[in-house]
Amino acid sequence: MQRQGSGGSAAFRFRVAGVVLLLVHLLLVAWLTLRPLDVVWVTAANFEPLAGIKADLALGPLQAARRIGGGLLLLAPLGVLLPMAGGRLTVSPLASLTRTMAAGAFISLGIELLQTGIPGQVVDVDSLLLNTVGVGIAHLLFVPAGRARLRRRRGRKPAAARAPRETGAEPPRALREKAPQGTQGTTPTITRVGIAP
């Protein structure tokens, strides 16, 4: 039976942190998007792609940036949190991006479908598009660089952490006497030999 080293427990903690942050973010998104709103009137649902974005752009640059930016940022953290919760370091960047954007699109679609029965909330296909693009942008900005950094860090572990621990037996006297006094050289190692029964 092999024990999991400190690298394994660090990876486990990283995944647990990703899952917890993912759940917290999804609860926040649910609170923002699925609570009933007390409004006097509601615009009609938008099922025509890019029509809502065009309408936002017609309102002026400040309003358009606020509305479009809000759509991009709402689910953008999923672009980082979903791969973090998955915990894989060696994965194809294209496959990771595709899976993450598909998951973001399904979550956004679920939100839009749930909004059909909530007073004051309006279904908008452009929200689905913006949410998915936001997830993809966040993924591209942070995940490949973060995975590369973690792989480099894993590769730079000290030799003592990677090598199996030796028994602590002293080398034979002949090997100790070969090293000149006052200088530091490499420590000789003795290969282990298995003993048959």
N, C-alpha and C. Protein backbone atom coordinates (compact mmCIF):
# COMPACT_ATOMS: atom_id res chain seq x y z
N MET A 1 0.84 -1.19 0.00
CA MET A 1 0.00 0.00 0.00
C MET A 1 0.88 1.24 0.00
N GLN A 2 0.60 2.16 -0.94
CA GLN A 2 1.41 3.36 -1.05
C GLN A 2 0.72 4.51 -0.34
N ARG A 3 1.51 5.27 0.35
CA ARG A 3 0.98 6.45 1.02
C ARG A 3 0.97 7.61 0.05
N GLN A 4 0.02 8.50 0.23
CA GLN A 4 -0.01 9.70 -0.57
C GLN A 4 0.94 10.71 0.06
N GLY A 5 1.84 11.27 -0.77
CA GLY A 5 2.81 12.23 -0.25
C GLY A 5 2.18 13.58 -0.03
N SER A 6 3.02 14.54 0.32
CA SER A 6 2.52 15.89 0.58
C SER A 6 1.99 16.53 -0.70
N GLY A 7 2.53 16.12 -1.88
CA GLY A 7 2.01 16.63 -3.13
C GLY A 7 0.58 16.21 -3.36
N GLY A 8 0.24 14.96 -2.96
CA GLY A 8 -1.12 14.47 -3.11
C GLY A 8 -2.09 15.19 -2.20
N SER A 9 -1.68 15.46 -0.97
CA SER A 9 -2.58 16.17 -0.05
C SER A 9 -2.75 17.62 -0.47
N ALA A 10 -1.71 18.22 -1.04
CA ALA A 10 -1.83 19.60 -1.54
C ALA A 10 -2.80 19.65 -2.72
N ALA A 11 -2.71 18.67 -3.61
CA ALA A 11 -3.64 18.62 -4.74
C ALA A 11 -5.07 18.41 -4.25
N PHE A 12 -5.25 17.58 -3.24
CA PHE A 12 -6.59 17.35 -2.68
C PHE A 12 -7.15 18.63 -2.07
N ARG A 13 -6.32 19.34 -1.32
CA ARG A 13 -6.77 20.61 -0.71
C ARG A 13 -7.13 21.63 -1.79
N PHE A 14 -6.35 21.65 -2.88
CA PHE A 14 -6.60 22.57 -3.98
C PHE A 14 -7.95 22.27 -4.63
N ARG A 15 -8.24 20.97 -4.83
CA ARG A 15 -9.52 20.58 -5.42
C ARG A 15 -10.68 20.91 -4.49
N VAL A 16 -10.50 20.66 -3.20
CA VAL A 16 -11.57 20.95 -2.23
C VAL A 16 -11.85 22.45 -2.21
N ALA A 17 -10.80 23.25 -2.23
CA ALA A 17 -10.98 24.71 -2.27
C ALA A 17 -11.73 25.11 -3.54
N GLY A 18 -11.41 24.48 -4.67
CA GLY A 18 -12.11 24.77 -5.91
C GLY A 18 -13.58 24.43 -5.85
N VAL A 19 -13.90 23.29 -5.26
CA VAL A 19 -15.31 22.87 -5.14
C VAL A 19 -16.07 23.83 -4.22
N VAL A 20 -15.46 24.20 -3.09
CA VAL A 20 -16.13 25.10 -2.15
C VAL A 20 -16.36 26.47 -2.80
N LEU A 21 -15.35 27.02 -3.45
CA LEU A 21 -15.50 28.32 -4.12
C LEU A 21 -16.53 28.25 -5.24
N LEU A 22 -16.55 27.13 -5.96
CA LEU A 22 -17.53 26.95 -7.03
C LEU A 22 -18.94 26.96 -6.47
N LEU A 23 -19.18 26.26 -5.38
CA LEU A 23 -20.51 26.24 -4.77
C LEU A 23 -20.92 27.61 -4.25
N VAL A 24 -19.98 28.32 -3.64
CA VAL A 24 -20.28 29.67 -3.15
C VAL A 24 -20.64 30.59 -4.30
N HIS A 25 -19.88 30.50 -5.40
CA HIS A 25 -20.17 31.35 -6.56
C HIS A 25 -21.53 31.01 -7.16
N LEU A 26 -21.83 29.72 -7.29
CA LEU A 26 -23.13 29.34 -7.86
C LEU A 26 -24.30 29.80 -6.98
N LEU A 27 -24.12 29.77 -5.66
CA LEU A 27 -25.16 30.29 -4.76
C LEU A 27 -25.35 31.79 -4.95
N LEU A 28 -24.26 32.51 -5.11
CA LEU A 28 -24.35 33.95 -5.35
C LEU A 28 -25.05 34.24 -6.68
N VAL A 29 -24.69 33.50 -7.72
CA VAL A 29 -25.32 33.69 -9.03
C VAL A 29 -26.81 33.37 -8.93
N ALA A 30 -27.17 32.30 -8.23
CA ALA A 30 -28.59 31.96 -8.07
C ALA A 30 -29.34 33.07 -7.35
N TRP A 31 -28.71 33.64 -6.33
CA TRP A 31 -29.37 34.73 -5.60
C TRP A 31 -29.55 35.95 -6.51
N LEU A 32 -28.56 36.25 -7.33
CA LEU A 32 -28.65 37.42 -8.21
C LEU A 32 -29.64 37.23 -9.35
N THR A 33 -29.74 36.03 -9.88
CA THR A 33 -30.51 35.84 -11.10
C THR A 33 -31.88 35.18 -10.90
N LEU A 34 -32.08 34.51 -9.78
CA LEU A 34 -33.32 33.75 -9.62
C LEU A 34 -34.24 34.28 -8.53
N ARG A 35 -33.97 35.43 -8.00
CA ARG A 35 -34.88 35.98 -7.00
C ARG A 35 -35.94 36.84 -7.71
N PRO A 36 -37.15 36.84 -7.22
CA PRO A 36 -38.20 37.66 -7.84
C PRO A 36 -37.88 39.15 -7.67
N LEU A 37 -38.17 39.91 -8.71
CA LEU A 37 -37.95 41.35 -8.67
C LEU A 37 -39.30 42.06 -8.65
N ASP A 38 -39.40 43.09 -7.85
CA ASP A 38 -40.63 43.88 -7.76
C ASP A 38 -40.49 45.07 -8.71
N VAL A 39 -40.95 44.88 -9.94
CA VAL A 39 -40.84 45.93 -10.95
C VAL A 39 -42.21 46.25 -11.50
N VAL A 40 -42.35 47.47 -12.03
CA VAL A 40 -43.63 47.91 -12.57
C VAL A 40 -43.90 47.24 -13.90
N TRP A 41 -42.88 47.18 -14.76
CA TRP A 41 -43.06 46.53 -16.07
C TRP A 41 -41.79 45.76 -16.42
N VAL A 42 -41.96 44.81 -17.31
CA VAL A 42 -40.86 43.94 -17.73
C VAL A 42 -40.80 43.93 -19.24
N THR A 43 -39.57 43.98 -19.79
CA THR A 43 -39.42 43.89 -21.24
C THR A 43 -39.74 42.47 -21.70
N ALA A 44 -40.01 42.34 -22.97
CA ALA A 44 -40.33 41.02 -23.53
C ALA A 44 -39.07 40.16 -23.57
N ALA A 45 -39.28 38.86 -23.57
CA ALA A 45 -38.15 37.93 -23.67
C ALA A 45 -37.46 38.10 -25.01
N ASN A 46 -36.14 37.93 -25.03
CA ASN A 46 -35.36 38.07 -26.25
C ASN A 46 -34.85 36.71 -26.70
N PHE A 47 -35.35 36.25 -27.85
CA PHE A 47 -34.91 34.97 -28.40
C PHE A 47 -34.10 35.17 -29.69
N GLU A 48 -33.83 36.41 -30.05
CA GLU A 48 -33.05 36.71 -31.26
C GLU A 48 -31.61 37.02 -30.86
N PRO A 49 -30.65 36.18 -31.30
CA PRO A 49 -29.25 36.41 -30.92
C PRO A 49 -28.75 37.79 -31.34
N LEU A 50 -28.04 38.42 -30.45
CA LEU A 50 -27.38 39.73 -30.61
C LEU A 50 -28.34 40.92 -30.64
N ALA A 51 -29.63 40.69 -30.58
CA ALA A 51 -30.57 41.82 -30.58
C ALA A 51 -30.45 42.62 -29.29
N GLY A 52 -30.31 41.95 -28.15
CA GLY A 52 -30.14 42.64 -26.87
C GLY A 52 -28.83 43.40 -26.80
N ILE A 53 -27.79 42.85 -27.39
CA ILE A 53 -26.48 43.53 -27.39
C ILE A 53 -26.56 44.79 -28.25
N LYS A 54 -27.24 44.70 -29.39
CA LYS A 54 -27.42 45.88 -30.25
C LYS A 54 -28.22 46.95 -29.51
N ALA A 55 -29.25 46.54 -28.79
CA ALA A 55 -30.05 47.50 -28.02
C ALA A 55 -29.21 48.14 -26.92
N ASP A 56 -28.34 47.34 -26.28
CA ASP A 56 -27.46 47.90 -25.25
C ASP A 56 -26.48 48.90 -25.85
N LEU A 57 -25.94 48.61 -27.02
CA LEU A 57 -25.00 49.53 -27.68
C LEU A 57 -25.69 50.83 -28.07
N ALA A 58 -26.99 50.78 -28.36
CA ALA A 58 -27.73 51.99 -28.73
C ALA A 58 -27.93 52.91 -27.53
N LEU A 59 -27.80 52.38 -26.31
CA LEU A 59 -28.00 53.20 -25.11
C LEU A 59 -26.81 54.12 -24.82
N GLY A 60 -25.72 53.91 -25.48
CA GLY A 60 -24.52 54.71 -25.22
C GLY A 60 -23.40 53.84 -24.67
N PRO A 61 -22.17 54.33 -24.76
CA PRO A 61 -21.02 53.49 -24.38
C PRO A 61 -20.99 53.10 -22.90
N LEU A 62 -21.38 54.00 -22.01
CA LEU A 62 -21.32 53.70 -20.59
C LEU A 62 -22.34 52.63 -20.20
N GLN A 63 -23.58 52.80 -20.64
CA GLN A 63 -24.62 51.81 -20.34
C GLN A 63 -24.31 50.47 -21.02
N ALA A 64 -23.82 50.53 -22.26
CA ALA A 64 -23.49 49.30 -22.99
C ALA A 64 -22.37 48.54 -22.28
N ALA A 65 -21.34 49.27 -21.82
CA ALA A 65 -20.23 48.62 -21.11
C ALA A 65 -20.72 47.99 -19.81
N ARG A 66 -21.61 48.68 -19.11
CA ARG A 66 -22.13 48.15 -17.85
C ARG A 66 -22.95 46.88 -18.08
N ARG A 67 -23.85 46.91 -19.06
CA ARG A 67 -24.72 45.76 -19.31
C ARG A 67 -23.97 44.58 -19.93
N ILE A 68 -23.17 44.86 -20.94
CA ILE A 68 -22.42 43.79 -21.60
C ILE A 68 -21.36 43.24 -20.64
N GLY A 69 -20.69 44.14 -19.92
CA GLY A 69 -19.69 43.70 -18.94
C GLY A 69 -20.30 42.85 -17.85
N GLY A 70 -21.50 43.21 -17.40
CA GLY A 70 -22.19 42.42 -16.39
C GLY A 70 -22.51 41.01 -16.89
N GLY A 71 -22.92 40.93 -18.16
CA GLY A 71 -23.20 39.62 -18.75
C GLY A 71 -21.94 38.77 -18.88
N LEU A 72 -20.82 39.42 -19.22
CA LEU A 72 -19.56 38.69 -19.35
C LEU A 72 -19.02 38.24 -17.98
N LEU A 73 -19.20 39.07 -16.97
CA LEU A 73 -18.60 38.79 -15.65
C LEU A 73 -19.43 37.86 -14.77
N LEU A 74 -20.73 37.72 -15.05
CA LEU A 74 -21.59 36.96 -14.15
C LEU A 74 -21.08 35.53 -13.91
N LEU A 75 -20.78 34.81 -14.95
CA LEU A 75 -20.32 33.43 -14.81
C LEU A 75 -18.83 33.27 -15.10
N ALA A 76 -18.11 34.36 -15.34
CA ALA A 76 -16.69 34.27 -15.69
C ALA A 76 -15.85 33.49 -14.67
N PRO A 77 -16.10 33.61 -13.36
CA PRO A 77 -15.29 32.81 -12.42
C PRO A 77 -15.37 31.30 -12.66
N LEU A 78 -16.44 30.83 -13.31
CA LEU A 78 -16.53 29.40 -13.61
C LEU A 78 -15.40 28.95 -14.53
N GLY A 79 -14.90 29.87 -15.35
CA GLY A 79 -13.80 29.54 -16.25
C GLY A 79 -12.55 29.11 -15.51
N VAL A 80 -12.40 29.55 -14.26
CA VAL A 80 -11.26 29.16 -13.42
C VAL A 80 -11.68 28.10 -12.40
N LEU A 81 -12.87 28.26 -11.81
CA LEU A 81 -13.28 27.37 -10.73
C LEU A 81 -13.60 25.95 -11.20
N LEU A 82 -14.16 25.80 -12.38
CA LEU A 82 -14.46 24.45 -12.87
C LEU A 82 -13.19 23.63 -13.08
N PRO A 83 -12.15 24.16 -13.77
CA PRO A 83 -10.90 23.38 -13.87
C PRO A 83 -10.22 23.19 -12.52
N MET A 84 -10.33 24.17 -11.65
CA MET A 84 -9.73 24.04 -10.32
C MET A 84 -10.39 22.90 -9.54
N ALA A 85 -11.71 22.80 -9.64
CA ALA A 85 -12.42 21.72 -8.96
C ALA A 85 -12.11 20.37 -9.61
N GLY A 86 -11.83 20.39 -10.92
CA GLY A 86 -11.45 19.16 -11.61
C GLY A 86 -10.09 18.66 -11.18
N GLY A 87 -9.17 19.58 -10.92
CA GLY A 87 -7.87 19.25 -10.36
C GLY A 87 -6.87 18.62 -11.30
N ARG A 88 -7.07 18.65 -12.61
CA ARG A 88 -6.11 18.05 -13.53
C ARG A 88 -5.08 19.07 -13.99
N LEU A 89 -3.82 18.66 -13.97
CA LEU A 89 -2.75 19.54 -14.43
C LEU A 89 -2.34 19.25 -15.87
N THR A 90 -2.41 18.01 -16.26
CA THR A 90 -2.00 17.64 -17.61
C THR A 90 -3.24 17.28 -18.42
N VAL A 91 -3.70 18.25 -19.18
CA VAL A 91 -4.88 18.08 -20.01
C VAL A 91 -4.71 18.98 -21.23
N SER A 92 -5.29 18.57 -22.33
CA SER A 92 -5.22 19.38 -23.55
C SER A 92 -5.89 20.73 -23.31
N PRO A 93 -5.20 21.83 -23.66
CA PRO A 93 -5.82 23.15 -23.44
C PRO A 93 -7.13 23.32 -24.20
N LEU A 94 -7.20 22.79 -25.42
CA LEU A 94 -8.43 22.93 -26.20
C LEU A 94 -9.57 22.11 -25.59
N ALA A 95 -9.25 20.89 -25.13
CA ALA A 95 -10.28 20.07 -24.50
C ALA A 95 -10.76 20.72 -23.20
N SER A 96 -9.84 21.27 -22.44
CA SER A 96 -10.22 21.94 -21.19
C SER A 96 -11.11 23.14 -21.46
N LEU A 97 -10.74 23.95 -22.45
CA LEU A 97 -11.54 25.13 -22.80
C LEU A 97 -12.93 24.70 -23.28
N THR A 98 -12.99 23.67 -24.11
CA THR A 98 -14.27 23.20 -24.64
C THR A 98 -15.18 22.69 -23.53
N ARG A 99 -14.62 21.87 -22.64
CA ARG A 99 -15.43 21.34 -21.52
C ARG A 99 -15.91 22.46 -20.61
N THR A 100 -15.03 23.40 -20.32
CA THR A 100 -15.39 24.48 -19.40
C THR A 100 -16.46 25.38 -20.01
N MET A 101 -16.29 25.72 -21.29
CA MET A 101 -17.30 26.58 -21.94
C MET A 101 -18.64 25.85 -22.08
N ALA A 102 -18.60 24.55 -22.35
CA ALA A 102 -19.85 23.78 -22.45
C ALA A 102 -20.55 23.75 -21.09
N ALA A 103 -19.80 23.54 -20.02
CA ALA A 103 -20.40 23.54 -18.69
C ALA A 103 -20.97 24.91 -18.36
N GLY A 104 -20.24 25.97 -18.71
CA GLY A 104 -20.74 27.33 -18.49
C GLY A 104 -22.01 27.60 -19.28
N ALA A 105 -22.06 27.11 -20.53
CA ALA A 105 -23.25 27.30 -21.35
C ALA A 105 -24.44 26.56 -20.76
N PHE A 106 -24.23 25.34 -20.26
CA PHE A 106 -25.33 24.58 -19.66
C PHE A 106 -25.83 25.24 -18.38
N ILE A 107 -24.92 25.76 -17.58
CA ILE A 107 -25.33 26.44 -16.35
C ILE A 107 -26.13 27.70 -16.70
N SER A 108 -25.65 28.46 -17.69
CA SER A 108 -26.36 29.66 -18.11
C SER A 108 -27.73 29.32 -18.70
N LEU A 109 -27.80 28.25 -19.48
CA LEU A 109 -29.08 27.82 -20.04
C LEU A 109 -30.04 27.42 -18.92
N GLY A 110 -29.53 26.73 -17.91
CA GLY A 110 -30.36 26.36 -16.77
C GLY A 110 -30.92 27.59 -16.06
N ILE A 111 -30.08 28.59 -15.90
CA ILE A 111 -30.53 29.84 -15.26
C ILE A 111 -31.63 30.49 -16.10
N GLU A 112 -31.41 30.57 -17.41
CA GLU A 112 -32.40 31.21 -18.29
C GLU A 112 -33.73 30.45 -18.26
N LEU A 113 -33.66 29.12 -18.23
CA LEU A 113 -34.90 28.34 -18.18
C LEU A 113 -35.63 28.51 -16.85
N LEU A 114 -34.86 28.57 -15.76
CA LEU A 114 -35.48 28.79 -14.45
C LEU A 114 -36.11 30.18 -14.34
N GLN A 115 -35.54 31.15 -15.06
CA GLN A 115 -36.07 32.52 -14.99
C GLN A 115 -37.45 32.65 -15.62
N THR A 116 -37.87 31.67 -16.43
CA THR A 116 -39.19 31.77 -17.07
C THR A 116 -40.33 31.79 -16.05
N GLY A 117 -40.11 31.19 -14.90
CA GLY A 117 -41.18 31.15 -13.90
C GLY A 117 -40.98 32.11 -12.74
N ILE A 118 -40.05 33.05 -12.85
CA ILE A 118 -39.77 33.96 -11.74
C ILE A 118 -40.25 35.37 -12.11
N PRO A 119 -41.09 35.97 -11.28
CA PRO A 119 -41.59 37.31 -11.57
C PRO A 119 -40.46 38.35 -11.65
N GLY A 120 -40.52 39.16 -12.68
CA GLY A 120 -39.54 40.23 -12.84
C GLY A 120 -38.29 39.83 -13.60
N GLN A 121 -38.05 38.55 -13.79
CA GLN A 121 -36.88 38.09 -14.52
C GLN A 121 -37.27 37.80 -15.97
N VAL A 122 -36.37 38.14 -16.90
CA VAL A 122 -36.67 38.00 -18.32
C VAL A 122 -35.63 37.09 -18.98
N VAL A 123 -36.10 36.20 -19.82
CA VAL A 123 -35.20 35.31 -20.57
C VAL A 123 -34.56 36.10 -21.70
N ASP A 124 -33.24 35.97 -21.84
CA ASP A 124 -32.51 36.69 -22.88
C ASP A 124 -31.42 35.78 -23.44
N VAL A 125 -31.51 35.46 -24.72
CA VAL A 125 -30.54 34.57 -25.34
C VAL A 125 -29.15 35.21 -25.35
N ASP A 126 -29.09 36.53 -25.37
CA ASP A 126 -27.80 37.22 -25.35
C ASP A 126 -27.09 37.03 -24.01
N SER A 127 -27.86 36.87 -22.94
CA SER A 127 -27.24 36.56 -21.65
C SER A 127 -26.52 35.23 -21.72
N LEU A 128 -27.12 34.25 -22.37
CA LEU A 128 -26.50 32.95 -22.55
C LEU A 128 -25.19 33.09 -23.32
N LEU A 129 -25.21 33.87 -24.40
CA LEU A 129 -24.00 34.08 -25.21
C LEU A 129 -22.91 34.80 -24.41
N LEU A 130 -23.29 35.87 -23.73
CA LEU A 130 -22.30 36.65 -22.98
C LEU A 130 -21.73 35.85 -21.81
N ASN A 131 -22.58 35.11 -21.12
CA ASN A 131 -22.09 34.28 -20.00
C ASN A 131 -21.07 33.26 -20.48
N THR A 132 -21.37 32.60 -21.60
CA THR A 132 -20.48 31.57 -22.14
C THR A 132 -19.16 32.18 -22.60
N VAL A 133 -19.22 33.32 -23.28
CA VAL A 133 -17.99 33.99 -23.73
C VAL A 133 -17.18 34.44 -22.52
N GLY A 134 -17.84 34.92 -21.48
CA GLY A 134 -17.13 35.33 -20.26
C GLY A 134 -16.40 34.17 -19.61
N VAL A 135 -17.02 33.00 -19.58
CA VAL A 135 -16.37 31.80 -19.03
C VAL A 135 -15.13 31.46 -19.86
N GLY A 136 -15.26 31.53 -21.20
CA GLY A 136 -14.14 31.22 -22.08
C GLY A 136 -12.99 32.19 -21.92
N ILE A 137 -13.29 33.48 -21.81
CA ILE A 137 -12.23 34.49 -21.66
C ILE A 137 -11.49 34.28 -20.35
N ALA A 138 -12.21 34.08 -19.26
CA ALA A 138 -11.57 33.86 -17.96
C ALA A 138 -10.70 32.61 -18.00
N HIS A 139 -11.20 31.56 -18.65
CA HIS A 139 -10.42 30.33 -18.76
C HIS A 139 -9.11 30.57 -19.51
N LEU A 140 -9.21 31.25 -20.65
CA LEU A 140 -8.01 31.51 -21.46
C LEU A 140 -7.01 32.41 -20.75
N LEU A 141 -7.50 33.37 -19.97
CA LEU A 141 -6.60 34.30 -19.28
C LEU A 141 -5.85 33.67 -18.12
N PHE A 142 -6.47 32.73 -17.41
CA PHE A 142 -5.86 32.26 -16.17
C PHE A 142 -5.46 30.79 -16.13
N VAL A 143 -6.24 29.92 -16.73
CA VAL A 143 -6.04 28.48 -16.52
C VAL A 143 -4.76 27.94 -17.17
N PRO A 144 -4.47 28.20 -18.46
CA PRO A 144 -3.23 27.63 -19.03
C PRO A 144 -1.98 28.10 -18.29
N ALA A 145 -1.91 29.39 -17.96
CA ALA A 145 -0.75 29.90 -17.22
C ALA A 145 -0.68 29.32 -15.82
N GLY A 146 -1.81 29.18 -15.16
CA GLY A 146 -1.83 28.61 -13.82
C GLY A 146 -1.42 27.15 -13.81
N ARG A 147 -1.90 26.39 -14.78
CA ARG A 147 -1.51 24.98 -14.86
C ARG A 147 -0.01 24.84 -15.15
N ALA A 148 0.50 25.68 -16.05
CA ALA A 148 1.93 25.61 -16.36
C ALA A 148 2.76 25.94 -15.12
N ARG A 149 2.33 26.91 -14.36
CA ARG A 149 3.05 27.29 -13.13
C ARG A 149 3.03 26.14 -12.12
N LEU A 150 1.87 25.52 -11.95
CA LEU A 150 1.77 24.40 -11.01
C LEU A 150 2.59 23.20 -11.47
N ARG A 151 2.65 22.96 -12.79
CA ARG A 151 3.48 21.85 -13.29
C ARG A 151 4.96 22.14 -13.05
N ARG A 152 5.37 23.40 -13.25
CA ARG A 152 6.78 23.76 -12.97
C ARG A 152 7.09 23.61 -11.50
N ARG A 153 6.17 24.03 -10.65
CA ARG A 153 6.38 23.92 -9.20
C ARG A 153 6.48 22.45 -8.79
N ARG A 154 5.64 21.62 -9.37
CA ARG A 154 5.67 20.19 -9.07
C ARG A 154 6.99 19.57 -9.54
N GLY A 155 7.52 20.04 -10.67
CA GLY A 155 8.78 19.52 -11.20
C GLY A 155 10.00 19.97 -10.40
N ARG A 156 9.87 21.05 -9.63
CA ARG A 156 11.00 21.59 -8.86
C ARG A 156 11.03 21.11 -7.43
N LYS A 157 10.31 20.06 -7.11
CA LYS A 157 10.34 19.56 -5.74
C LYS A 157 11.76 19.18 -5.37
N PRO A 158 12.16 19.38 -4.13
CA PRO A 158 13.50 18.98 -3.72
C PRO A 158 13.71 17.49 -3.91
N ALA A 159 14.97 17.11 -4.13
CA ALA A 159 15.29 15.71 -4.39
C ALA A 159 14.87 14.83 -3.21
N ALA A 160 14.97 15.35 -2.00
CA ALA A 160 14.61 14.57 -0.82
C ALA A 160 13.12 14.22 -0.82
N ALA A 161 12.30 15.13 -1.36
CA ALA A 161 10.86 14.87 -1.39
C ALA A 161 10.50 13.86 -2.48
N ARG A 162 11.29 13.82 -3.57
CA ARG A 162 10.98 12.91 -4.66
C ARG A 162 11.57 11.53 -4.46
N ALA A 163 12.77 11.45 -3.84
CA ALA A 163 13.44 10.17 -3.69
C ALA A 163 12.90 9.44 -2.47
N PRO A 164 12.89 8.11 -2.52
CA PRO A 164 12.46 7.37 -1.33
C PRO A 164 13.48 7.54 -0.22
N ARG A 165 13.02 7.54 0.99
CA ARG A 165 13.92 7.76 2.14
C ARG A 165 14.84 6.57 2.32
N GLU A 166 16.07 6.88 2.60
CA GLU A 166 17.05 5.83 2.85
C GLU A 166 16.90 5.35 4.29
N THR A 167 17.52 4.22 4.61
CA THR A 167 17.34 3.62 5.93
C THR A 167 18.11 4.35 7.01
N GLY A 168 19.08 5.15 6.66
CA GLY A 168 19.85 5.87 7.66
C GLY A 168 21.11 5.13 8.07
N ALA A 169 21.41 4.02 7.42
CA ALA A 169 22.63 3.28 7.75
C ALA A 169 23.84 4.05 7.26
N GLU A 170 24.92 4.02 8.02
CA GLU A 170 26.14 4.71 7.63
C GLU A 170 26.84 3.95 6.52
N PRO A 171 27.55 4.69 5.62
CA PRO A 171 28.30 4.00 4.59
C PRO A 171 29.50 3.28 5.21
N PRO A 172 30.01 2.26 4.54
CA PRO A 172 31.16 1.54 5.07
C PRO A 172 32.35 2.46 5.28
N ARG A 173 33.26 2.03 6.15
CA ARG A 173 34.41 2.82 6.53
C ARG A 173 35.28 3.18 5.32
N ALA A 174 35.42 2.27 4.38
CA ALA A 174 36.26 2.53 3.21
C ALA A 174 35.71 3.70 2.40
N LEU A 175 34.40 3.80 2.29
CA LEU A 175 33.81 4.92 1.55
C LEU A 175 33.96 6.23 2.30
N ARG A 176 33.89 6.20 3.63
CA ARG A 176 34.04 7.43 4.41
C ARG A 176 35.46 7.94 4.34
N GLU A 177 36.43 7.06 4.28
CA GLU A 177 37.83 7.49 4.28
C GLU A 177 38.27 8.03 2.94
N LYS A 178 37.57 7.74 1.84
CA LYS A 178 37.95 8.23 0.52
C LYS A 178 37.77 9.74 0.41
N ALA A 179 36.80 10.29 1.08
CA ALA A 179 36.54 11.72 0.95
C ALA A 179 37.62 12.49 1.68
N PRO A 180 38.26 13.46 1.00
CA PRO A 180 39.30 14.26 1.65
C PRO A 180 38.70 15.13 2.75
N GLN A 181 39.48 15.36 3.78
CA GLN A 181 39.03 16.15 4.92
C GLN A 181 38.91 17.61 4.53
N GLY A 182 37.89 18.28 5.02
CA GLY A 182 37.74 19.72 4.82
C GLY A 182 37.05 20.08 3.51
N THR A 183 36.74 19.14 2.67
CA THR A 183 36.04 19.46 1.43
C THR A 183 34.70 18.76 1.42
N GLN A 184 33.81 19.34 0.67
CA GLN A 184 32.49 18.73 0.56
C GLN A 184 32.40 18.08 -0.81
N GLY A 185 32.10 16.86 -0.83
CA GLY A 185 31.91 16.14 -2.08
C GLY A 185 30.53 15.51 -2.07
N THR A 186 30.29 14.73 -3.08
CA THR A 186 28.99 14.07 -3.12
C THR A 186 28.99 12.91 -2.14
N THR A 187 27.86 12.69 -1.56
CA THR A 187 27.73 11.60 -0.59
C THR A 187 27.57 10.30 -1.36
N PRO A 188 28.39 9.30 -1.06
CA PRO A 188 28.24 8.03 -1.77
C PRO A 188 26.97 7.33 -1.33
N THR A 189 26.38 6.64 -2.27
CA THR A 189 25.16 5.90 -1.96
C THR A 189 25.41 4.41 -2.21
N ILE A 190 24.69 3.63 -1.49
CA ILE A 190 24.82 2.18 -1.62
C ILE A 190 23.49 1.68 -2.17
N THR A 191 23.56 0.90 -3.22
CA THR A 191 22.34 0.37 -3.78
C THR A 191 21.76 -0.69 -2.88
N ARG A 192 20.46 -0.76 -2.83
CA ARG A 192 19.79 -1.74 -1.97
C ARG A 192 19.70 -3.06 -2.72
N VAL A 193 19.94 -4.12 -2.02
CA VAL A 193 19.85 -5.45 -2.61
C VAL A 193 18.80 -6.21 -1.83
N GLY A 194 17.87 -6.78 -2.56
CA GLY A 194 16.83 -7.56 -1.90
C GLY A 194 17.36 -8.90 -1.43
N ILE A 195 16.87 -9.38 -0.34
CA ILE A 195 17.31 -10.65 0.22
C ILE A 195 16.19 -11.65 -0.03
N ALA A 196 16.57 -12.74 -0.67
CA ALA A 196 15.59 -13.78 -0.96
C ALA A 196 15.35 -14.63 0.28
N PRO A 197 14.16 -15.19 0.43
CA PRO A 197 13.87 -16.01 1.61
C PRO A 197 14.58 -17.36 1.55
